[in-house]
C-alpha atoms as a PDB file:
ATOM      1  CA  MET A   1       3.513  22.783   0.938  1.00  0.00           C
ATOM      2  CA  ASN A   2       6.694  19.782   0.363  1.00  0.00           C
ATOM      3  CA  ALA A   3       6.780  17.206  -2.450  1.00  0.00           C
ATOM      4  CA  LEU A   4       6.763  14.321   1.031  1.00  0.00           C
ATOM      5  CA  ARG A   5       4.246  15.460   2.523  1.00  0.00           C
ATOM      6  CA  ARG A   6       1.900  16.137  -1.228  1.00  0.00           C
ATOM      7  CA  THR A   7       2.622  12.527  -1.492  1.00  0.00           C
ATOM      8  CA  ALA A   8       1.766  11.553   2.108  1.00  0.00           C
ATOM      9  CA  LEU A   9      -1.420  12.673   1.516  1.00  0.00           C
ATOM     10  CA  VAL A  10      -2.430  11.393  -2.203  1.00  0.00           C
ATOM     11  CA  LEU A  11      -1.571   8.185  -0.735  1.00  0.00           C
ATOM     12  CA  LEU A  12      -3.683   8.034   2.131  1.00  0.00           C
ATOM     13  CA  ALA A  13      -6.912   9.223   0.587  1.00  0.00           C
ATOM     14  CA  MET A  14      -6.160   6.986  -2.256  1.00  0.00           C
ATOM     15  CA  ALA A  15      -5.318   4.027   0.658  1.00  0.00           C
ATOM     16  CA  PHE A  16      -8.614   5.121   2.456  1.00  0.00           C
ATOM     17  CA  ALA A  17     -10.468   5.219  -0.708  1.00  0.00           C
ATOM     18  CA  GLY A  18      -9.664   1.822  -1.764  1.00  0.00           C
ATOM     19  CA  GLY A  19     -10.212  -0.040   1.930  1.00  0.00           C
ATOM     20  CA  ALA A  20     -13.911   1.185   1.747  1.00  0.00           C
ATOM     21  CA  SER A  21     -14.412  -0.336  -1.105  1.00  0.00           C
ATOM     22  CA  VAL A  22     -12.711  -3.551  -0.158  1.00  0.00           C
ATOM     23  CA  THR A  23     -14.416  -3.784   2.740  1.00  0.00           C
ATOM     24  CA  THR A  24     -17.790  -2.862   0.784  1.00  0.00           C
ATOM     25  CA  SER A  25     -17.266  -5.322  -1.313  1.00  0.00           C
ATOM     26  CA  ALA A  26     -15.998  -8.232  -0.226  1.00  0.00           C
ATOM     27  CA  ALA A  27     -18.003 -11.758   0.448  1.00  0.00           C
ATOM     28  CA  ASP A  28     -17.085 -12.098   3.353  1.00  0.00           C
ATOM     29  CA  PRO A  29     -18.695  -8.890   5.602  1.00  0.00           C
ATOM     30  CA  ALA A  30     -16.676  -9.930   8.257  1.00  0.00           C
ATOM     31  CA  TYR A  31     -13.465  -9.344   6.370  1.00  0.00           C
ATOM     32  CA  PRO A  32     -10.216  -8.900   7.250  1.00  0.00           C
ATOM     33  CA  THR A  33     -10.727 -11.931   9.465  1.00  0.00           C
ATOM     34  CA  ARG A  34      -6.691 -13.068   9.312  1.00  0.00           C
ATOM     35  CA  PRO A  35      -3.420 -10.650   8.679  1.00  0.00           C
ATOM     36  CA  VAL A  36      -3.109  -9.124   5.620  1.00  0.00           C
ATOM     37  CA  LYS A  37      -0.148  -7.880   4.133  1.00  0.00           C
ATOM     38  CA  ILE A  38       0.964  -4.202   2.716  1.00  0.00           C
ATOM     39  CA  MET A  39       3.472  -5.342  -0.251  1.00  0.00           C
ATOM     40  CA  VAL A  40       5.562  -1.968  -0.741  1.00  0.00           C
ATOM     41  CA  GLY A  41       8.120  -1.614  -3.880  1.00  0.00           C
ATOM     42  CA  ALA A  42      11.354   0.468  -1.803  1.00  0.00           C
ATOM     43  CA  ASN A  43      13.326  -0.117   0.855  1.00  0.00           C
ATOM     44  CA  ALA A  44      12.879   0.181   4.668  1.00  0.00           C
ATOM     45  CA  GLY A  45      12.894   3.483   6.079  1.00  0.00           C
ATOM     46  CA  GLY A  46      11.957   5.652   2.329  1.00  0.00           C
ATOM     47  CA  GLY A  47       9.098   7.470   2.319  1.00  0.00           C
ATOM     48  CA  THR A  48       6.919   5.371   0.533  1.00  0.00           C
ATOM     49  CA  ASP A  49       7.547   2.156   3.710  1.00  0.00           C
ATOM     50  CA  ILE A  50       6.504   5.644   6.053  1.00  0.00           C
ATOM     51  CA  ILE A  51       3.554   5.597   4.226  1.00  0.00           C
ATOM     52  CA  ALA A  52       3.059   1.816   4.304  1.00  0.00           C
ATOM     53  CA  ARG A  53       3.407   1.854   8.029  1.00  0.00           C
ATOM     54  CA  MET A  54       1.281   4.425   8.971  1.00  0.00           C
ATOM     55  CA  LEU A  55      -1.809   2.886   6.921  1.00  0.00           C
ATOM     56  CA  ALA A  56      -0.994  -0.214   8.438  1.00  0.00           C
ATOM     57  CA  GLU A  57      -1.005   1.105  11.956  1.00  0.00           C
ATOM     58  CA  LYS A  58      -4.610   2.788  11.002  1.00  0.00           C
ATOM     59  CA  PHE A  59      -5.642  -0.133   9.541  1.00  0.00           C
ATOM     60  CA  GLN A  60      -5.102  -2.439  12.334  1.00  0.00           C
ATOM     61  CA  GLU A  61      -6.644  -0.591  14.788  1.00  0.00           C
ATOM     62  CA  SER A  62      -9.888   0.179  12.799  1.00  0.00           C
ATOM     63  CA  MET A  63      -9.698  -3.460  11.774  1.00  0.00           C
ATOM     64  CA  LYS A  64      -8.289  -5.436  14.520  1.00  0.00           C
ATOM     65  CA  GLN A  65      -6.544  -7.785  12.676  1.00  0.00           C
ATOM     66  CA  PRO A  66      -2.680  -7.349  12.283  1.00  0.00           C
ATOM     67  CA  PHE A  67      -1.554  -5.445   8.903  1.00  0.00           C
ATOM     68  CA  VAL A  68       2.264  -6.121   7.744  1.00  0.00           C
ATOM     69  CA  VAL A  69       4.262  -4.154   5.529  1.00  0.00           C
ATOM     70  CA  GLU A  70       6.588  -6.673   3.054  1.00  0.00           C
ATOM     71  CA  ASN A  71       9.067  -4.657   1.851  1.00  0.00           C
ATOM     72  CA  LYS A  72      10.400  -5.707  -2.119  1.00  0.00           C
ATOM     73  CA  PRO A  73      12.383  -3.358  -3.370  1.00  0.00           C
ATOM     74  CA  GLY A  74      13.550  -3.004  -7.241  1.00  0.00           C
ATOM     75  CA  ALA A  75      12.683  -2.981 -10.455  1.00  0.00           C
ATOM     76  CA  SER A  76      10.943   0.625  -9.919  1.00  0.00           C
ATOM     77  CA  ASN A  77       8.053  -1.226  -7.530  1.00  0.00           C
ATOM     78  CA  THR A  78       7.353  -3.999 -10.187  1.00  0.00           C
ATOM     79  CA  ILE A  79       8.521  -7.135  -8.094  1.00  0.00           C
ATOM     80  CA  ALA A  80       6.061  -5.870  -5.344  1.00  0.00           C
ATOM     81  CA  ALA A  81       3.513  -5.773  -7.858  1.00  0.00           C
ATOM     82  CA  ASP A  82       4.151  -8.791  -9.482  1.00  0.00           C
ATOM     83  CA  LEU A  83       3.833 -10.431  -5.901  1.00  0.00           C
ATOM     84  CA  THR A  84       0.380  -8.380  -5.467  1.00  0.00           C
ATOM     85  CA  ALA A  85      -1.359  -9.046  -8.933  1.00  0.00           C
ATOM     86  CA  LYS A  86      -0.839 -12.937  -8.392  1.00  0.00           C
ATOM     87  CA  ALA A  87      -1.859 -12.989  -4.762  1.00  0.00           C
ATOM     88  CA  PRO A  88      -5.210 -14.556  -5.005  1.00  0.00           C
ATOM     89  CA  PRO A  89      -7.788 -11.262  -5.087  1.00  0.00           C
ATOM     90  CA  ASP A  90      -9.587 -11.453  -2.140  1.00  0.00           C
ATOM     91  CA  GLY A  91      -8.406  -8.365  -0.363  1.00  0.00           C
ATOM     92  CA  TYR A  92      -5.560  -9.727   1.792  1.00  0.00           C
ATOM     93  CA  THR A  93      -2.279  -8.765  -0.255  1.00  0.00           C
ATOM     94  CA  LEU A  94      -2.492  -4.486  -0.803  1.00  0.00           C
ATOM     95  CA  LEU A  95       0.096  -2.616  -2.606  1.00  0.00           C
ATOM     96  CA  VAL A  96       1.468   0.910  -2.055  1.00  0.00           C
ATOM     97  CA  ALA A  97       3.880   2.054  -4.908  1.00  0.00           C
ATOM     98  CA  THR A  98       5.084   4.986  -5.852  1.00  0.00           C
ATOM     99  CA  ASN A  99       4.890   6.944  -9.705  1.00  0.00           C
ATOM    100  CA  THR A 100       8.657   6.660 -10.674  1.00  0.00           C
ATOM    101  CA  ALA A 101       8.565   7.914 -13.691  1.00  0.00           C
ATOM    102  CA  ARG A 102      11.098  10.764 -14.032  1.00  0.00           C
ATOM    103  CA  ARG A 103      11.385  13.486 -16.877  1.00  0.00           C
ATOM    104  CA  SER A 104      14.606  13.567 -18.823  1.00  0.00           C
ATOM    105  CA  PRO A 105      15.993  16.446 -18.389  1.00  0.00           C
ATOM    106  CA  ARG A 106      15.950  19.366 -20.707  1.00  0.00           C
ATOM    107  CA  THR A 107      19.168  19.823 -23.361  1.00  0.00           C
END
C-alpha cells in the first residue's frame, strides 16, 4: 500500500470517528443547520486537499448541508490550525491537516 493511500485511509478513519463524536455530542440534534468549514493547511490540489474534498463530499451527502473546504497553506499547517482553534467550539469549523515532521538525514 503506497504512502498516499495509507495516509488517506488514516485521515478518513479519523474524520469519520471525529464526525461521529461531533454529531453525538452536539447540543443541537439537527447538526449541521448551516454550512460547515473544513480548514486545510495545504495548497489546493495536494493530497491533503484531495482528502478534505472527499470528506466534504461524503459529509454533505449524508448530512444534507454544505461542507466548504478552505485552504490556508503555510507555516506547516499552523495557519489553518490557529483559525480552527479560534473558531467558536460549535462544530462548524473542522481541520484536516497532516503531520509535517520530517526525519533528519543520517550523518
